[in-house]
Amino acid sequence: VRELGNERIDIIEWKNDPKAFIANALSPAKPIKIELNNEEMTAFVIVPDNQLSLAIGKEGQNVRLASKLTGWKIDIKSDEQSKNDASTKQEEQNEENVSSEKISKEN
């Protein structure tokens, strides 16, 4: 079935593994990495830079549908955004460590 009432129909293979199910729901985008927070039912998904808009969809439609389908809140970032976030986080951690060392030496 391709269309029903002029609406496009996509069939997603159900998987018991949440990571695999989320990856299927975001198809045709191909996630690089999926991290899950089971307590908050949140999935952090990293996709190739050239697939970010494909994964999110027009006005967030793809990620919104994938979230409804899977029951997980899905946060998508490109590989580049993820690397930038990681380096920013590392810089902040380094600054905190330096500040802690200064405070320790002053006392």
Protein backbone atom coordinates (compact mmCIF):
# COMPACT_ATOMS: atom_id res chain seq x y z
CA VAL A 1 0.00 0.00 0.00
CA ARG A 2 1.58 3.27 -1.07
CA GLU A 3 -1.23 5.71 -0.37
CA LEU A 4 -4.44 5.68 1.60
CA GLY A 5 -6.79 8.61 1.06
CA ASN A 6 -3.94 10.49 -0.70
CA GLU A 7 -1.74 10.06 2.39
CA ARG A 8 1.60 8.31 2.00
CA ILE A 9 1.89 5.15 4.09
CA ASP A 10 5.22 3.98 5.53
CA ILE A 11 5.55 0.59 7.18
CA ILE A 12 8.07 0.35 10.00
CA GLU A 13 9.38 -2.98 11.25
CA TRP A 14 8.71 -3.32 14.98
CA LYS A 15 11.67 -4.36 17.13
CA ASN A 16 11.73 -5.26 20.80
CA ASP A 17 15.07 -3.44 21.12
CA PRO A 18 14.25 0.29 21.54
CA LYS A 19 17.41 1.42 19.70
CA ALA A 20 16.59 -0.70 16.66
CA PHE A 21 12.93 0.38 16.74
CA ILE A 22 13.88 4.07 16.92
CA ALA A 23 16.39 3.61 14.07
CA ASN A 24 13.66 1.95 11.96
CA ALA A 25 11.20 4.74 12.78
CA LEU A 26 13.70 7.38 11.59
CA SER A 27 14.33 5.60 8.29
CA PRO A 28 15.50 6.47 5.67
CA ALA A 29 17.93 8.43 7.87
CA LYS A 30 20.65 6.16 9.27
CA PRO A 31 21.58 7.00 12.88
CA ILE A 32 25.26 6.77 13.80
CA LYS A 33 24.56 6.44 17.51
CA ILE A 34 21.51 6.18 19.77
CA GLU A 35 21.77 6.68 23.54
CA LEU A 36 18.76 5.95 25.74
CA ASN A 37 17.66 7.41 29.06
CA ASN A 38 15.25 4.71 30.19
CA GLU A 39 14.02 6.66 33.23
CA GLU A 40 12.90 9.63 31.14
CA MET A 41 12.13 7.61 27.98
CA THR A 42 14.42 9.93 26.01
CA ALA A 43 16.56 8.92 23.03
CA PHE A 44 19.57 11.00 21.98
CA VAL A 45 20.20 10.27 18.30
CA ILE A 46 23.24 11.27 16.24
CA VAL A 47 22.92 11.19 12.45
CA PRO A 48 25.38 12.05 9.66
CA ASP A 49 25.54 15.79 8.95
CA ASN A 50 23.94 15.37 5.53
CA GLN A 51 20.97 13.45 7.01
CA LEU A 52 19.94 15.82 9.80
CA SER A 53 17.14 17.49 7.84
CA LEU A 54 16.01 14.08 6.55
CA ALA A 55 15.76 12.72 10.11
CA ILE A 56 13.95 15.78 11.46
CA GLY A 57 11.68 16.29 8.45
CA LYS A 58 9.76 19.34 7.31
CA GLU A 59 8.80 21.35 10.40
CA GLY A 60 9.88 18.40 12.59
CA GLN A 61 7.27 16.06 11.13
CA ASN A 62 9.52 12.97 10.85
CA VAL A 63 10.91 13.11 14.37
CA ARG A 64 7.48 13.93 15.79
CA LEU A 65 5.92 10.88 14.09
CA ALA A 66 8.84 8.67 15.17
CA SER A 67 8.37 9.85 18.77
CA LYS A 68 4.65 9.07 18.72
CA LEU A 69 5.25 5.71 17.11
CA THR A 70 7.98 4.57 19.50
CA GLY A 71 6.80 6.26 22.70
CA TRP A 72 10.24 7.85 23.19
CA LYS A 73 11.10 11.56 23.21
CA ILE A 74 13.71 11.80 20.46
CA ASP A 75 16.45 14.45 20.42
CA ILE A 76 18.38 14.47 17.12
CA LYS A 77 21.73 16.10 16.44
CA SER A 78 24.14 15.93 13.54
CA ASP A 79 27.53 14.31 14.03
CA GLU A 80 29.19 17.75 13.83
CA GLN A 81 26.80 19.25 16.42
CA SER A 82 27.48 16.32 18.73
CA LYS A 83 31.25 16.75 18.42
CA ASN A 84 30.94 20.50 19.08
CA ASP A 85 28.78 19.83 22.16
CA ALA A 86 31.30 17.27 23.43
CA SER A 87 34.26 19.64 23.00
CA THR A 88 32.32 22.48 24.67
CA LYS A 89 31.44 20.19 27.56
CA GLN A 90 35.10 19.12 27.85
CA GLU A 91 36.25 22.77 27.87
CA GLU A 92 33.74 23.58 30.63
CA GLN A 93 34.93 20.56 32.63
CA ASN A 94 38.56 21.66 32.22
CA GLU A 95 37.66 25.18 33.42
CA GLU A 96 35.87 23.73 36.46
CA ASN A 97 38.90 21.57 37.27
CA VAL A 98 41.24 24.57 37.03
CA SER A 99 38.92 26.61 39.27
CA SER A 100 38.76 23.77 41.80
CA GLU A 101 42.54 23.48 41.83
CA LYS A 102 42.92 27.24 42.43
CA ILE A 103 40.44 27.15 45.31
CA SER A 104 42.22 24.13 46.84
CA LYS A 105 45.62 25.85 46.62
CA GLU A 106 44.26 29.07 48.14
CA ASN A 107 42.90 27.22 51.19
